[in-house]
Amino acid sequence: MKTLYLVSESFDKNDGQGVFKLAHYLYEGLSKYTKVEKIELEKSKNGIQRVYNLTRGALKKCVDKEGIYLFLCPEYSYASKFLKNSYVIVEDLLPILHEGERKKSFVMFWKYCWNIAKKQNIITISKETQGNILDNLYPNQYTTVLPDFIEDKIKNIYLGVDKELFKPIKKVTNKIFTVGYVGGFGNRKNVKFILEVARRLPKIKFKIAGKGGNYEELKSNAPKNIEFIGYIDEKNLGDYYNSLDLFLYPDLIDGWALPIVESMACGTPVLVHHTGVFYEVVNENNNMVADMENSKEVSSRILELSKDKMQLNNLKKDCLKRAKDFDWNKTIKEYYNFIIKKNKSM
């Protein structure tokens, strides 16, 4: 039996990044069905050292030429050009589509790795990213039905959600309607937009959780009706979502948005951007979307929901229904079928 090697910088689901959470669940799930080993690449905050770790350092660790390799993102995939059987997970093409969102040095390295990764088997985490990759690799060729050879090469598999951690619990009714956010604080996360909305709604309470980026700057400029929570450990996130009346996710561009799914699984209604992957996550439900560049529109929608319990309860039902589509057992089965089962038949 060939060994499946998972290649990532971390397998700790509490490490603050979605890719590490995915690495954790894939290792935990796939290990039940096949022989799996971790290849943990060394982390470094030094850009030059990190490039070495992800290239030459990775080569020193990916030594089984007969093994099957699953690289958790394109920047980890340098070693795949020297291996026979590689799969690469691609969360998004943001370094190509929105170059200004990352440092130039990272974008250059990512593009270099993408030229390697795109020659391997690819797994996306959203149909949005799958479509972006098709546009990148086969411009103007496949707009509707994908031919079999594309499905065999570029497979979309949704992430799951831990139903033990993220589930509805009996809520204490908030005296003040409470809106919350959890996630990153980079520019594209658009968290400053929450401050704009909060200023328009002084009688609504807002909670902001997470770490990194411009967290401290936002905190120092926030109105009094915003409470900054800081980092929340994975095991306590479910309680946080359940403490909210509404989850607001102002991100404008991304490859996926796991916090939205986690909130829906807790039965907490969500309000997200009206285009891209966010519209996909909520299954194109127009009652859950708004223009996250229009604070007047979003404020009006929040105020409407705060006064309409029936509409809020209907959204809760829609969220719980949609969350059923995301299950780690289903995700693991799809990875197994696409990687292990396919290799058994070769």
Protein backbone atom coordinates (compact mmCIF):
# COMPACT_ATOMS: atom_id res chain seq x y z
CA MET A 1 0.00 0.00 0.00
CA LYS A 2 1.34 3.41 -0.94
CA THR A 3 1.68 5.97 1.81
CA LEU A 4 -0.23 9.24 1.59
CA TYR A 5 1.87 12.18 2.78
CA LEU A 6 0.17 15.40 3.89
CA VAL A 7 2.45 18.43 3.51
CA SER A 8 1.75 21.51 5.64
CA GLU A 9 3.45 23.99 7.97
CA SER A 10 1.10 22.96 10.77
CA PHE A 11 -1.57 20.41 11.65
CA ASP A 12 -2.86 22.31 14.66
CA LYS A 13 -6.49 23.35 14.17
CA ASN A 14 -5.97 26.10 16.76
CA ASP A 15 -3.08 27.64 14.82
CA GLY A 16 -5.22 30.46 13.46
CA GLN A 17 -5.40 29.59 9.75
CA GLY A 18 -8.00 27.64 7.82
CA VAL A 19 -5.36 25.66 5.95
CA PHE A 20 -4.01 24.26 9.23
CA LYS A 21 -7.51 23.36 10.37
CA LEU A 22 -8.02 21.52 7.08
CA ALA A 23 -4.68 19.72 7.53
CA HIS A 24 -5.77 18.58 10.99
CA TYR A 25 -9.11 17.16 9.87
CA LEU A 26 -7.67 15.51 6.75
CA TYR A 27 -4.98 13.73 8.76
CA GLU A 28 -7.44 12.70 11.44
CA GLY A 29 -10.04 11.48 8.93
CA LEU A 30 -7.93 9.84 6.24
CA SER A 31 -5.83 7.96 8.81
CA LYS A 32 -8.91 5.82 9.51
CA TYR A 33 -8.89 4.44 5.96
CA THR A 34 -5.31 4.41 4.70
CA LYS A 35 -1.69 4.85 5.74
CA VAL A 36 -1.05 8.57 6.25
CA GLU A 37 2.02 10.43 7.42
CA LYS A 38 2.55 14.11 8.19
CA ILE A 39 5.31 16.14 6.61
CA GLU A 40 5.46 19.29 8.71
CA LEU A 41 7.48 22.04 7.07
CA GLU A 42 9.35 24.41 9.36
CA LYS A 43 7.75 27.79 9.94
CA SER A 44 9.65 31.06 9.75
CA LYS A 45 8.69 34.73 9.87
CA ASN A 46 11.80 35.53 7.85
CA GLY A 47 10.81 35.59 4.17
CA ILE A 48 14.09 34.20 2.81
CA GLN A 49 14.21 31.43 5.40
CA ARG A 50 10.57 30.53 4.71
CA VAL A 51 11.24 30.22 0.98
CA TYR A 52 14.13 27.87 1.78
CA ASN A 53 11.93 25.82 4.12
CA LEU A 54 9.21 25.48 1.48
CA THR A 55 11.64 24.53 -1.30
CA ARG A 56 14.93 22.91 -0.39
CA GLY A 57 13.68 22.10 3.08
CA ALA A 58 10.62 20.36 1.63
CA LEU A 59 12.74 18.37 -0.82
CA LYS A 60 14.72 16.92 2.07
CA LYS A 61 11.48 15.66 3.63
CA CYS A 62 9.61 14.44 0.53
CA VAL A 63 11.87 11.47 -0.14
CA ASP A 64 9.47 8.60 -0.89
CA LYS A 65 9.32 8.70 -4.69
CA GLU A 66 6.56 6.06 -4.78
CA GLY A 67 4.34 7.81 -2.28
CA ILE A 68 1.24 9.94 -2.87
CA TYR A 69 1.62 13.55 -1.79
CA LEU A 70 -1.10 16.03 -0.85
CA PHE A 71 0.19 19.59 -0.55
CA LEU A 72 -2.14 21.79 1.50
CA CYS A 73 -1.59 24.90 -0.66
CA PRO A 74 0.36 25.93 -3.78
CA GLU A 75 3.23 27.57 -1.88
CA TYR A 76 4.01 24.18 -0.30
CA SER A 77 4.08 22.38 -3.66
CA TYR A 78 7.63 23.07 -4.91
CA ALA A 79 8.72 19.47 -4.23
CA SER A 80 5.88 18.13 -6.39
CA LYS A 81 7.83 18.77 -9.59
CA PHE A 82 10.29 16.07 -8.49
CA LEU A 83 7.59 13.55 -7.50
CA LYS A 84 5.43 11.14 -9.51
CA ASN A 85 2.07 11.48 -7.80
CA SER A 86 1.04 14.81 -6.31
CA TYR A 87 -2.17 16.62 -5.41
CA VAL A 88 -2.37 20.29 -4.49
CA ILE A 89 -5.19 22.03 -2.60
CA VAL A 90 -5.88 25.50 -3.97
CA GLU A 91 -7.99 27.70 -1.72
CA ASP A 92 -7.95 30.70 -4.06
CA LEU A 93 -6.09 32.55 -6.80
CA LEU A 94 -5.92 35.83 -4.90
CA PRO A 95 -2.19 36.38 -5.58
CA ILE A 96 -3.08 36.41 -9.30
CA LEU A 97 -6.49 38.07 -9.23
CA HIS A 98 -5.73 40.62 -6.49
CA GLU A 99 -1.95 41.07 -6.40
CA GLY A 100 -2.09 44.13 -4.17
CA GLU A 101 -3.49 42.13 -1.26
CA ARG A 102 -0.14 40.50 -0.47
CA LYS A 103 3.51 41.54 -0.40
CA LYS A 104 5.21 41.57 -3.81
CA SER A 105 7.78 39.02 -2.66
CA PHE A 106 5.03 36.57 -1.62
CA VAL A 107 3.12 37.11 -4.89
CA MET A 108 6.27 36.36 -6.92
CA PHE A 109 6.95 33.18 -4.95
CA TRP A 110 3.29 32.12 -5.13
CA LYS A 111 3.19 32.56 -8.91
CA TYR A 112 6.36 30.50 -9.22
CA CYS A 113 4.80 27.73 -7.15
CA TRP A 114 1.51 28.00 -9.06
CA ASN A 115 3.34 27.21 -12.31
CA ILE A 116 4.39 23.95 -10.63
CA ALA A 117 1.10 23.24 -8.86
CA LYS A 118 -1.11 23.66 -11.94
CA LYS A 119 0.62 20.69 -13.56
CA GLN A 120 -0.47 18.42 -10.69
CA ASN A 121 -3.89 17.12 -9.66
CA ILE A 122 -5.80 20.03 -8.12
CA ILE A 123 -8.42 20.13 -5.37
CA THR A 124 -10.36 23.35 -4.81
CA ILE A 125 -12.48 24.27 -1.81
CA SER A 126 -15.14 26.24 -3.69
CA LYS A 127 -16.74 26.31 -7.12
CA GLU A 128 -15.69 29.95 -7.28
CA THR A 129 -12.01 28.96 -7.09
CA GLN A 130 -12.54 26.03 -9.45
CA GLY A 131 -14.01 28.47 -11.98
CA ASN A 132 -11.13 30.89 -11.52
CA ILE A 133 -8.63 28.10 -12.17
CA LEU A 134 -10.48 27.00 -15.31
CA ASP A 135 -10.39 30.60 -16.55
CA ASN A 136 -6.67 30.71 -15.80
CA LEU A 137 -5.79 27.39 -17.44
CA TYR A 138 -8.42 27.19 -20.21
CA PRO A 139 -9.57 30.76 -21.03
CA ASN A 140 -13.05 30.94 -22.62
CA GLN A 141 -13.29 27.16 -23.10
CA TYR A 142 -15.43 25.67 -20.31
CA THR A 143 -18.28 27.82 -19.02
CA THR A 144 -20.99 25.25 -18.25
CA VAL A 145 -20.48 21.46 -18.28
CA LEU A 146 -16.99 20.24 -17.45
CA PRO A 147 -15.57 17.37 -19.53
CA ASP A 148 -14.51 14.25 -17.64
CA PHE A 149 -10.80 14.91 -18.06
CA ILE A 150 -11.22 18.25 -16.27
CA GLU A 151 -13.20 16.67 -13.40
CA ASP A 152 -10.43 14.09 -13.04
CA LYS A 153 -7.81 16.84 -12.91
CA ILE A 154 -9.50 19.69 -11.00
CA LYS A 155 -11.89 18.49 -8.31
CA ASN A 156 -13.94 20.69 -6.01
CA ILE A 157 -14.40 19.34 -2.48
CA TYR A 158 -16.05 21.51 0.16
CA LEU A 159 -14.61 21.80 3.65
CA GLY A 160 -16.57 20.28 6.49
CA VAL A 161 -17.59 21.66 9.86
CA ASP A 162 -17.18 19.95 13.22
CA LYS A 163 -20.78 19.27 14.30
CA GLU A 164 -19.67 18.42 17.83
CA LEU A 165 -18.13 21.85 18.32
CA PHE A 166 -20.52 23.87 16.20
CA LYS A 167 -24.15 23.17 17.03
CA PRO A 168 -27.11 25.11 18.43
CA ILE A 169 -27.28 25.39 22.21
CA LYS A 170 -29.94 26.94 24.40
CA LYS A 171 -29.36 30.65 24.18
CA VAL A 172 -29.72 33.32 26.80
CA THR A 173 -31.71 36.12 25.19
CA ASN A 174 -29.53 39.19 24.72
CA LYS A 175 -30.96 42.34 26.26
CA ILE A 176 -29.36 44.25 23.39
CA PHE A 177 -29.36 42.84 19.83
CA THR A 178 -25.80 41.56 19.33
CA VAL A 179 -23.87 41.28 16.07
CA GLY A 180 -20.48 39.54 15.94
CA TYR A 181 -17.47 38.80 13.79
CA VAL A 182 -14.54 36.40 14.07
CA GLY A 183 -11.69 36.03 11.60
CA GLY A 184 -8.58 37.75 10.29
CA PHE A 185 -7.72 41.44 10.18
CA GLY A 186 -5.93 41.88 6.87
CA ASN A 187 -7.17 44.62 4.53
CA ARG A 188 -9.30 42.30 2.41
CA LYS A 189 -11.17 41.13 5.52
CA ASN A 190 -12.74 44.60 5.54
CA VAL A 191 -13.20 44.64 9.33
CA LYS A 192 -13.05 48.44 9.38
CA PHE A 193 -16.44 48.30 7.66
CA ILE A 194 -17.94 46.95 10.90
CA LEU A 195 -16.84 50.17 12.62
CA GLU A 196 -18.73 52.19 9.99
CA VAL A 197 -21.86 50.08 10.50
CA ALA A 198 -21.58 50.27 14.29
CA ARG A 199 -21.46 54.07 14.19
CA ARG A 200 -24.77 54.05 12.30
CA LEU A 201 -26.33 51.70 14.89
CA PRO A 202 -25.40 52.99 18.37
CA LYS A 203 -28.17 50.95 20.05
CA ILE A 204 -26.86 47.65 18.59
CA LYS A 205 -23.99 45.82 20.29
CA PHE A 206 -21.07 44.52 18.22
CA LYS A 207 -18.41 41.95 19.15
CA ILE A 208 -15.17 41.47 17.22
CA ALA A 209 -12.98 38.41 17.84
CA GLY A 210 -9.65 37.30 16.39
CA LYS A 211 -6.04 38.39 16.29
CA GLY A 212 -3.30 39.78 14.07
CA GLY A 213 -3.30 42.32 11.26
CA ASN A 214 -4.57 45.77 12.24
CA TYR A 215 -6.53 44.52 15.28
CA GLU A 216 -5.05 47.07 17.71
CA GLU A 217 -5.53 49.97 15.30
CA LEU A 218 -9.18 49.07 14.79
CA LYS A 219 -9.69 48.67 18.51
CA SER A 220 -8.30 52.13 19.23
CA ASN A 221 -10.62 53.76 16.67
CA ALA A 222 -13.80 51.82 17.47
CA PRO A 223 -17.05 53.35 18.76
CA LYS A 224 -18.21 52.46 22.28
CA ASN A 225 -20.79 49.90 21.13
CA ILE A 226 -18.04 47.54 19.88
CA GLU A 227 -16.44 45.01 22.24
CA PHE A 228 -13.12 43.51 21.16
CA ILE A 229 -12.88 39.92 22.40
CA GLY A 230 -9.42 38.91 21.16
CA TYR A 231 -8.47 35.37 20.18
CA ILE A 232 -10.99 32.60 20.87
CA ASP A 233 -9.80 29.00 21.09
CA GLU A 234 -11.46 26.51 18.74
CA LYS A 235 -13.21 24.69 21.58
CA ASN A 236 -14.92 27.93 22.67
CA LEU A 237 -15.91 29.22 19.24
CA GLY A 238 -19.26 27.45 19.23
CA ASP A 239 -20.27 29.26 22.42
CA TYR A 240 -19.26 32.55 20.83
CA TYR A 241 -21.40 32.01 17.72
CA ASN A 242 -24.31 30.96 19.91
CA SER A 243 -24.01 34.16 21.96
CA LEU A 244 -24.78 36.25 18.87
CA ASP A 245 -28.08 37.25 17.30
CA LEU A 246 -26.40 37.79 13.94
CA PHE A 247 -22.99 36.98 12.45
CA LEU A 248 -21.63 39.72 10.18
CA TYR A 249 -18.84 38.75 7.78
CA PRO A 250 -17.68 41.79 5.74
CA ASP A 251 -14.90 40.04 3.77
CA LEU A 252 -14.96 41.04 0.09
CA ILE A 253 -12.71 38.47 -1.60
CA ASP A 254 -11.72 34.98 -0.50
CA GLY A 255 -11.53 31.34 -1.54
CA TRP A 256 -13.82 30.16 1.25
CA ALA A 257 -15.21 31.41 4.55
CA LEU A 258 -15.27 28.73 7.25
CA PRO A 259 -16.56 31.10 10.00
CA ILE A 260 -19.77 31.56 7.99
CA VAL A 261 -20.32 27.80 7.90
CA GLU A 262 -19.51 27.45 11.60
CA SER A 263 -22.01 30.17 12.49
CA MET A 264 -24.72 28.57 10.32
CA ALA A 265 -24.08 25.21 11.99
CA CYS A 266 -24.77 26.90 15.34
CA GLY A 267 -28.04 28.25 13.98
CA THR A 268 -26.85 31.85 14.16
CA PRO A 269 -28.06 33.80 11.10
CA VAL A 270 -25.37 35.30 8.87
CA LEU A 271 -25.06 38.41 6.75
CA VAL A 272 -22.33 38.28 4.10
CA HIS A 273 -21.17 39.95 0.88
CA HIS A 274 -23.54 39.55 -2.04
CA THR A 275 -21.06 38.22 -4.63
CA GLY A 276 -18.35 35.61 -5.10
CA VAL A 277 -17.71 32.72 -2.79
CA PHE A 278 -19.84 34.21 -0.01
CA TYR A 279 -22.96 33.95 -2.16
CA GLU A 280 -21.96 30.34 -2.84
CA VAL A 281 -21.50 29.53 0.87
CA VAL A 282 -25.06 30.66 1.72
CA ASN A 283 -26.43 28.76 -1.29
CA GLU A 284 -27.41 31.99 -3.10
CA ASN A 285 -29.90 32.90 -0.40
CA ASN A 286 -30.59 36.60 -1.01
CA ASN A 287 -31.87 37.06 2.55
CA MET A 288 -28.34 36.43 3.87
CA VAL A 289 -26.44 38.86 1.65
CA ALA A 290 -25.83 42.59 1.31
CA ASP A 291 -23.27 44.92 -0.25
CA MET A 292 -20.38 44.98 2.23
CA GLU A 293 -19.16 48.23 0.71
CA ASN A 294 -22.42 50.02 1.50
CA SER A 295 -22.71 50.70 5.24
CA LYS A 296 -26.13 52.32 4.86
CA GLU A 297 -27.57 49.18 3.22
CA VAL A 298 -26.00 46.81 5.76
CA SER A 299 -27.06 48.97 8.72
CA SER A 300 -30.61 49.05 7.43
CA ARG A 301 -30.64 45.26 7.05
CA ILE A 302 -29.32 44.69 10.58
CA LEU A 303 -31.87 47.10 12.03
CA GLU A 304 -34.64 45.31 10.12
CA LEU A 305 -33.57 41.92 11.49
CA SER A 306 -33.25 43.25 15.03
CA LYS A 307 -36.94 44.19 14.94
CA ASP A 308 -38.29 41.12 13.15
CA LYS A 309 -37.98 37.91 15.18
CA MET A 310 -39.96 35.87 12.67
CA GLN A 311 -37.61 36.77 9.82
CA LEU A 312 -34.60 36.07 12.05
CA ASN A 313 -36.00 32.64 12.99
CA ASN A 314 -36.58 31.81 9.32
CA LEU A 315 -32.97 32.70 8.60
CA LYS A 316 -31.87 30.42 11.44
CA LYS A 317 -33.74 27.51 9.82
CA ASP A 318 -32.16 28.30 6.44
CA CYS A 319 -28.71 28.40 8.03
CA LEU A 320 -29.11 25.05 9.78
CA LYS A 321 -30.37 23.49 6.55
CA ARG A 322 -27.43 24.81 4.52
CA ALA A 323 -24.90 23.77 7.18
CA LYS A 324 -25.93 20.14 6.68
CA ASP A 325 -24.17 20.28 3.29
CA PHE A 326 -20.81 20.66 5.04
CA ASP A 327 -19.66 17.59 6.93
CA TRP A 328 -16.10 16.41 7.56
CA ASN A 329 -17.10 12.75 7.06
CA LYS A 330 -18.38 13.63 3.60
CA THR A 331 -15.26 15.70 2.90
CA ILE A 332 -12.93 12.87 3.95
CA LYS A 333 -14.86 10.37 1.81
CA GLU A 334 -14.51 12.61 -1.25
CA TYR A 335 -10.76 13.04 -0.66
CA TYR A 336 -10.42 9.28 -0.25
CA ASN A 337 -12.28 8.59 -3.49
CA PHE A 338 -10.40 11.21 -5.48
CA ILE A 339 -6.92 10.30 -4.24
CA ILE A 340 -6.70 6.84 -2.69
CA LYS A 341 -9.45 4.97 -4.55
CA LYS A 342 -8.35 6.43 -7.88
CA ASN A 343 -4.77 5.32 -7.26
CA LYS A 344 -5.89 1.80 -6.34
CA SER A 345 -7.54 1.46 -9.73
CA MET A 346 -4.45 2.64 -11.63
